[in-house]
């Protein structure tokens, strides 16, 4: 299964929508998009996992890399994760240090509040 990544830019943040599987064969594409956004000066990124059906350890690595890069300067959060994807993220313990929101509107509100 291929991955589809789209980016929606707003004034205060960028939304990265991912559909498909984030695994060893697709995680580099996601990382490239996220790193490119940071390189363009984006400080706040919302990763919408609404149509993501699976995330592997390679995908989790991308989340850590990006979270570290924006830790002091902005926000990187996840939203709309399916129960399956959320379970994988929680089993890895990422919910302890990552902001994970149930839906996109909550993620937007949290970024605007800071």
N, C-alpha and C. Protein backbone atom coordinates (compact mmCIF):
# COMPACT_ATOMS: atom_id res chain seq x y z
N UNK A 1 0.84 -1.19 0.00
CA UNK A 1 0.00 0.00 0.00
C UNK A 1 0.88 1.24 0.00
N UNK A 2 0.55 2.17 -0.84
CA UNK A 2 1.28 3.42 -0.91
C UNK A 2 0.80 4.39 0.16
N UNK A 3 1.55 5.43 0.32
CA UNK A 3 1.20 6.48 1.27
C UNK A 3 0.82 7.72 0.47
N UNK A 4 -0.17 8.43 0.97
CA UNK A 4 -0.53 9.71 0.36
C UNK A 4 -0.37 10.79 1.42
N UNK A 5 0.36 11.84 1.06
CA UNK A 5 0.63 12.93 2.00
C UNK A 5 0.21 14.23 1.35
N UNK A 6 -0.63 14.98 2.05
CA UNK A 6 -1.00 16.31 1.57
C UNK A 6 -0.73 17.31 2.68
N UNK A 7 -0.43 18.53 2.28
CA UNK A 7 -0.13 19.59 3.24
C UNK A 7 -1.10 20.74 3.03
N UNK A 8 -1.71 21.20 4.12
CA UNK A 8 -2.57 22.38 4.10
C UNK A 8 -1.92 23.42 4.99
N UNK A 9 -1.63 24.59 4.40
CA UNK A 9 -0.99 25.64 5.18
C UNK A 9 -2.02 26.65 5.66
N UNK A 10 -1.89 27.04 6.90
CA UNK A 10 -2.73 28.09 7.48
C UNK A 10 -1.78 29.13 8.08
N UNK A 11 -2.33 30.18 8.62
CA UNK A 11 -1.50 31.27 9.15
C UNK A 11 -0.62 30.81 10.32
N UNK A 12 -1.20 30.01 11.22
CA UNK A 12 -0.50 29.64 12.46
C UNK A 12 0.11 28.25 12.45
N UNK A 13 -0.17 27.46 11.42
CA UNK A 13 0.26 26.06 11.44
C UNK A 13 0.13 25.45 10.04
N UNK A 14 0.71 24.27 9.91
CA UNK A 14 0.51 23.46 8.70
C UNK A 14 -0.09 22.13 9.14
N UNK A 15 -1.03 21.64 8.35
CA UNK A 15 -1.65 20.34 8.61
C UNK A 15 -1.10 19.36 7.58
N UNK A 16 -0.54 18.27 8.06
CA UNK A 16 -0.03 17.23 7.18
C UNK A 16 -0.97 16.03 7.32
N UNK A 17 -1.68 15.73 6.24
CA UNK A 17 -2.63 14.61 6.22
C UNK A 17 -1.94 13.39 5.63
N UNK A 18 -2.02 12.27 6.35
CA UNK A 18 -1.38 11.05 5.88
C UNK A 18 -2.42 9.96 5.75
N UNK A 19 -2.42 9.29 4.61
CA UNK A 19 -3.29 8.13 4.46
C UNK A 19 -2.47 6.95 3.97
N UNK A 20 -2.84 5.76 4.44
CA UNK A 20 -2.12 4.55 4.09
C UNK A 20 -1.32 4.04 5.27
N UNK A 21 -0.22 3.38 4.97
CA UNK A 21 0.65 2.81 6.00
C UNK A 21 1.94 3.62 6.10
N UNK A 22 2.33 3.93 7.33
CA UNK A 22 3.63 4.56 7.57
C UNK A 22 4.55 3.44 8.04
N UNK A 23 5.40 2.96 7.13
CA UNK A 23 6.28 1.86 7.46
C UNK A 23 7.67 2.13 6.87
N UNK A 24 8.50 1.11 6.84
CA UNK A 24 9.88 1.29 6.38
C UNK A 24 9.96 1.81 4.94
N UNK A 25 8.99 1.44 4.11
CA UNK A 25 9.06 1.86 2.71
C UNK A 25 8.44 3.24 2.47
N UNK A 26 7.70 3.78 3.45
CA UNK A 26 7.04 5.07 3.24
C UNK A 26 7.45 6.15 4.24
N UNK A 27 8.12 5.77 5.31
CA UNK A 27 8.43 6.75 6.36
C UNK A 27 9.38 7.84 5.88
N UNK A 28 10.28 7.52 4.95
CA UNK A 28 11.21 8.54 4.44
C UNK A 28 10.45 9.66 3.73
N UNK A 29 9.39 9.30 3.00
CA UNK A 29 8.60 10.32 2.30
C UNK A 29 7.94 11.26 3.30
N UNK A 30 7.42 10.70 4.38
CA UNK A 30 6.80 11.53 5.42
C UNK A 30 7.84 12.42 6.07
N UNK A 31 8.99 11.86 6.40
CA UNK A 31 10.04 12.65 7.03
C UNK A 31 10.49 13.79 6.12
N UNK A 32 10.61 13.52 4.83
CA UNK A 32 11.01 14.56 3.87
C UNK A 32 10.02 15.72 3.88
N UNK A 33 8.73 15.42 3.88
CA UNK A 33 7.71 16.47 3.89
C UNK A 33 7.80 17.30 5.18
N UNK A 34 7.92 16.62 6.30
CA UNK A 34 7.97 17.32 7.60
C UNK A 34 9.24 18.16 7.74
N UNK A 35 10.37 17.61 7.35
CA UNK A 35 11.64 18.35 7.43
C UNK A 35 11.61 19.55 6.48
N UNK A 36 11.00 19.38 5.32
CA UNK A 36 10.88 20.47 4.37
C UNK A 36 10.04 21.62 4.96
N UNK A 37 8.95 21.27 5.64
CA UNK A 37 8.13 22.30 6.30
C UNK A 37 8.95 23.06 7.34
N UNK A 38 9.71 22.34 8.14
CA UNK A 38 10.54 22.99 9.15
C UNK A 38 11.59 23.88 8.48
N UNK A 39 12.13 23.41 7.37
CA UNK A 39 13.11 24.19 6.63
C UNK A 39 12.53 25.47 6.05
N UNK A 40 11.22 25.47 5.79
CA UNK A 40 10.53 26.66 5.29
C UNK A 40 10.17 27.62 6.43
N UNK A 41 10.52 27.23 7.67
CA UNK A 41 10.25 28.10 8.80
C UNK A 41 8.97 27.80 9.54
N UNK A 42 8.29 26.72 9.17
CA UNK A 42 7.06 26.36 9.89
C UNK A 42 7.42 25.92 11.31
N UNK A 43 6.71 26.47 12.28
CA UNK A 43 6.97 26.14 13.69
C UNK A 43 5.93 25.19 14.27
N UNK A 44 4.74 25.17 13.68
CA UNK A 44 3.64 24.38 14.23
C UNK A 44 3.10 23.42 13.16
N UNK A 45 3.20 22.14 13.46
CA UNK A 45 2.76 21.11 12.52
C UNK A 45 1.76 20.19 13.21
N UNK A 46 0.63 20.02 12.55
CA UNK A 46 -0.39 19.07 13.00
C UNK A 46 -0.35 17.89 12.04
N UNK A 47 -0.10 16.71 12.56
CA UNK A 47 -0.07 15.51 11.74
C UNK A 47 -1.41 14.79 11.91
N UNK A 48 -2.22 14.84 10.87
CA UNK A 48 -3.53 14.20 10.90
C UNK A 48 -3.42 12.77 10.38
N UNK A 49 -3.75 11.83 11.25
CA UNK A 49 -3.62 10.41 10.92
C UNK A 49 -4.97 9.77 10.64
N UNK A 50 -5.91 10.58 10.21
CA UNK A 50 -7.29 10.11 10.00
C UNK A 50 -7.36 8.87 9.11
N UNK A 51 -6.62 8.88 8.02
CA UNK A 51 -6.68 7.77 7.07
C UNK A 51 -5.44 6.88 7.12
N UNK A 52 -4.70 6.96 8.22
CA UNK A 52 -3.52 6.12 8.40
C UNK A 52 -3.98 4.82 9.06
N UNK A 53 -3.65 3.71 8.42
CA UNK A 53 -4.12 2.41 8.92
C UNK A 53 -3.08 1.69 9.77
N UNK A 54 -1.81 2.12 9.68
CA UNK A 54 -0.75 1.41 10.40
C UNK A 54 0.46 2.32 10.51
N UNK A 55 1.19 2.18 11.63
CA UNK A 55 2.47 2.88 11.77
C UNK A 55 3.46 1.89 12.37
N UNK A 56 4.62 1.78 11.73
CA UNK A 56 5.65 0.85 12.19
C UNK A 56 6.69 1.60 13.02
N UNK A 57 7.71 0.87 13.46
CA UNK A 57 8.79 1.51 14.21
C UNK A 57 9.50 2.57 13.38
N UNK A 58 9.57 2.36 12.07
CA UNK A 58 10.19 3.37 11.19
C UNK A 58 9.37 4.66 11.21
N UNK A 59 8.06 4.53 11.23
CA UNK A 59 7.18 5.69 11.32
C UNK A 59 7.30 6.37 12.67
N UNK A 60 7.39 5.58 13.72
CA UNK A 60 7.55 6.15 15.06
C UNK A 60 8.86 6.93 15.16
N UNK A 61 9.90 6.45 14.50
CA UNK A 61 11.18 7.16 14.51
C UNK A 61 11.03 8.55 13.91
N UNK A 62 10.25 8.66 12.84
CA UNK A 62 10.02 9.97 12.21
C UNK A 62 9.35 10.91 13.21
N UNK A 63 8.38 10.40 13.95
CA UNK A 63 7.69 11.24 14.95
C UNK A 63 8.67 11.77 15.97
N UNK A 64 9.58 10.93 16.43
CA UNK A 64 10.57 11.35 17.43
C UNK A 64 11.51 12.41 16.84
N UNK A 65 11.98 12.18 15.64
CA UNK A 65 12.91 13.12 14.99
C UNK A 65 12.27 14.50 14.89
N UNK A 66 11.03 14.57 14.44
CA UNK A 66 10.37 15.86 14.25
C UNK A 66 10.02 16.48 15.61
N UNK A 67 9.55 15.68 16.54
CA UNK A 67 9.22 16.20 17.88
C UNK A 67 10.44 16.84 18.53
N UNK A 68 11.61 16.23 18.37
CA UNK A 68 12.85 16.79 18.93
C UNK A 68 13.19 18.12 18.26
N UNK A 69 12.97 18.21 16.95
CA UNK A 69 13.35 19.42 16.22
C UNK A 69 12.48 20.62 16.58
N UNK A 70 11.23 20.38 16.97
CA UNK A 70 10.35 21.52 17.28
C UNK A 70 10.14 21.70 18.78
N UNK A 71 10.81 20.90 19.59
CA UNK A 71 10.56 20.88 21.03
C UNK A 71 10.60 22.27 21.67
N UNK A 72 11.62 23.04 21.38
CA UNK A 72 11.78 24.36 22.02
C UNK A 72 11.20 25.51 21.22
N UNK A 73 10.85 25.27 19.97
CA UNK A 73 10.50 26.39 19.11
C UNK A 73 9.08 26.38 18.57
N UNK A 74 8.34 25.32 18.80
CA UNK A 74 7.00 25.26 18.22
C UNK A 74 6.21 24.08 18.73
N UNK A 75 5.26 23.64 17.91
CA UNK A 75 4.39 22.53 18.30
C UNK A 75 4.34 21.49 17.19
N UNK A 76 4.41 20.24 17.61
CA UNK A 76 4.19 19.11 16.71
C UNK A 76 3.20 18.21 17.41
N UNK A 77 2.05 18.03 16.82
CA UNK A 77 1.04 17.21 17.48
C UNK A 77 0.37 16.28 16.48
N UNK A 78 -0.28 15.27 17.02
CA UNK A 78 -0.99 14.29 16.22
C UNK A 78 -2.47 14.42 16.50
N UNK A 79 -3.28 14.08 15.51
CA UNK A 79 -4.73 14.05 15.72
C UNK A 79 -5.37 13.03 14.81
N UNK A 80 -6.60 12.70 15.12
CA UNK A 80 -7.43 11.80 14.30
C UNK A 80 -6.85 10.41 14.13
N UNK A 81 -6.07 9.94 15.07
CA UNK A 81 -5.50 8.59 14.94
C UNK A 81 -6.58 7.54 15.18
N UNK A 82 -6.55 6.50 14.37
CA UNK A 82 -7.48 5.39 14.57
C UNK A 82 -7.10 4.66 15.86
N UNK A 83 -7.99 3.84 16.35
CA UNK A 83 -7.70 3.08 17.57
C UNK A 83 -6.46 2.23 17.40
N UNK A 84 -6.31 1.61 16.23
CA UNK A 84 -5.16 0.75 15.95
C UNK A 84 -3.85 1.54 15.99
N UNK A 85 -3.81 2.66 15.31
CA UNK A 85 -2.60 3.49 15.27
C UNK A 85 -2.32 4.08 16.65
N UNK A 86 -3.35 4.54 17.33
CA UNK A 86 -3.18 5.10 18.67
C UNK A 86 -2.63 4.05 19.63
N UNK A 87 -3.09 2.82 19.51
CA UNK A 87 -2.60 1.74 20.37
C UNK A 87 -1.11 1.52 20.17
N UNK A 88 -0.65 1.56 18.92
CA UNK A 88 0.77 1.38 18.63
C UNK A 88 1.58 2.53 19.23
N UNK A 89 1.09 3.75 19.06
CA UNK A 89 1.77 4.93 19.61
C UNK A 89 1.84 4.86 21.13
N UNK A 90 0.75 4.43 21.77
CA UNK A 90 0.73 4.32 23.23
C UNK A 90 1.61 3.18 23.72
N UNK A 91 1.62 2.06 23.00
CA UNK A 91 2.48 0.94 23.40
C UNK A 91 3.95 1.34 23.38
N UNK A 92 4.29 2.23 22.46
CA UNK A 92 5.67 2.73 22.37
C UNK A 92 5.96 3.79 23.44
N UNK A 93 4.91 4.25 24.13
CA UNK A 93 5.09 5.25 25.18
C UNK A 93 5.14 6.68 24.68
N UNK A 94 4.82 6.89 23.41
CA UNK A 94 4.92 8.22 22.82
C UNK A 94 3.87 9.19 23.37
N UNK A 95 2.78 8.65 23.87
CA UNK A 95 1.73 9.52 24.41
C UNK A 95 2.21 10.28 25.65
N UNK A 96 3.33 9.86 26.22
CA UNK A 96 3.88 10.54 27.40
C UNK A 96 4.51 11.88 27.02
N UNK A 97 5.14 11.95 25.85
CA UNK A 97 5.85 13.18 25.47
C UNK A 97 5.31 13.86 24.23
N UNK A 98 4.30 13.28 23.59
CA UNK A 98 3.73 13.90 22.40
C UNK A 98 2.31 14.38 22.68
N UNK A 99 1.95 15.48 22.07
CA UNK A 99 0.57 15.95 22.17
C UNK A 99 -0.27 15.21 21.14
N UNK A 100 -1.27 14.48 21.64
CA UNK A 100 -2.14 13.71 20.77
C UNK A 100 -3.57 14.15 21.05
N UNK A 101 -4.25 14.62 20.01
CA UNK A 101 -5.62 15.12 20.17
C UNK A 101 -6.60 14.27 19.38
N UNK A 102 -7.81 14.23 19.88
CA UNK A 102 -8.85 13.39 19.27
C UNK A 102 -9.22 13.86 17.88
N UNK A 103 -9.23 15.19 17.68
CA UNK A 103 -9.66 15.69 16.37
C UNK A 103 -8.86 16.93 15.99
N UNK A 104 -9.04 17.33 14.75
CA UNK A 104 -8.29 18.45 14.19
C UNK A 104 -8.64 19.78 14.86
N UNK A 105 -9.92 19.99 15.15
CA UNK A 105 -10.30 21.28 15.75
C UNK A 105 -9.66 21.47 17.12
N UNK A 106 -9.54 20.40 17.89
CA UNK A 106 -8.88 20.50 19.20
C UNK A 106 -7.40 20.83 19.02
N UNK A 107 -6.76 20.19 18.05
CA UNK A 107 -5.33 20.47 17.80
C UNK A 107 -5.12 21.92 17.40
N UNK A 108 -5.99 22.43 16.54
CA UNK A 108 -5.90 23.85 16.14
C UNK A 108 -6.07 24.78 17.34
N UNK A 109 -7.03 24.49 18.18
CA UNK A 109 -7.29 25.33 19.37
C UNK A 109 -6.09 25.35 20.28
N UNK A 110 -5.46 24.21 20.50
CA UNK A 110 -4.31 24.12 21.40
C UNK A 110 -3.13 24.95 20.87
N UNK A 111 -2.91 24.90 19.57
CA UNK A 111 -1.81 25.67 18.98
C UNK A 111 -2.11 27.16 19.09
N UNK A 112 -3.31 27.56 18.80
CA UNK A 112 -3.66 28.98 18.86
C UNK A 112 -3.63 29.50 20.30
N UNK A 113 -3.88 28.64 21.28
CA UNK A 113 -3.91 29.06 22.68
C UNK A 113 -2.52 29.38 23.22
N UNK A 114 -1.50 28.77 22.62
CA UNK A 114 -0.12 28.98 23.13
C UNK A 114 0.54 30.19 22.53
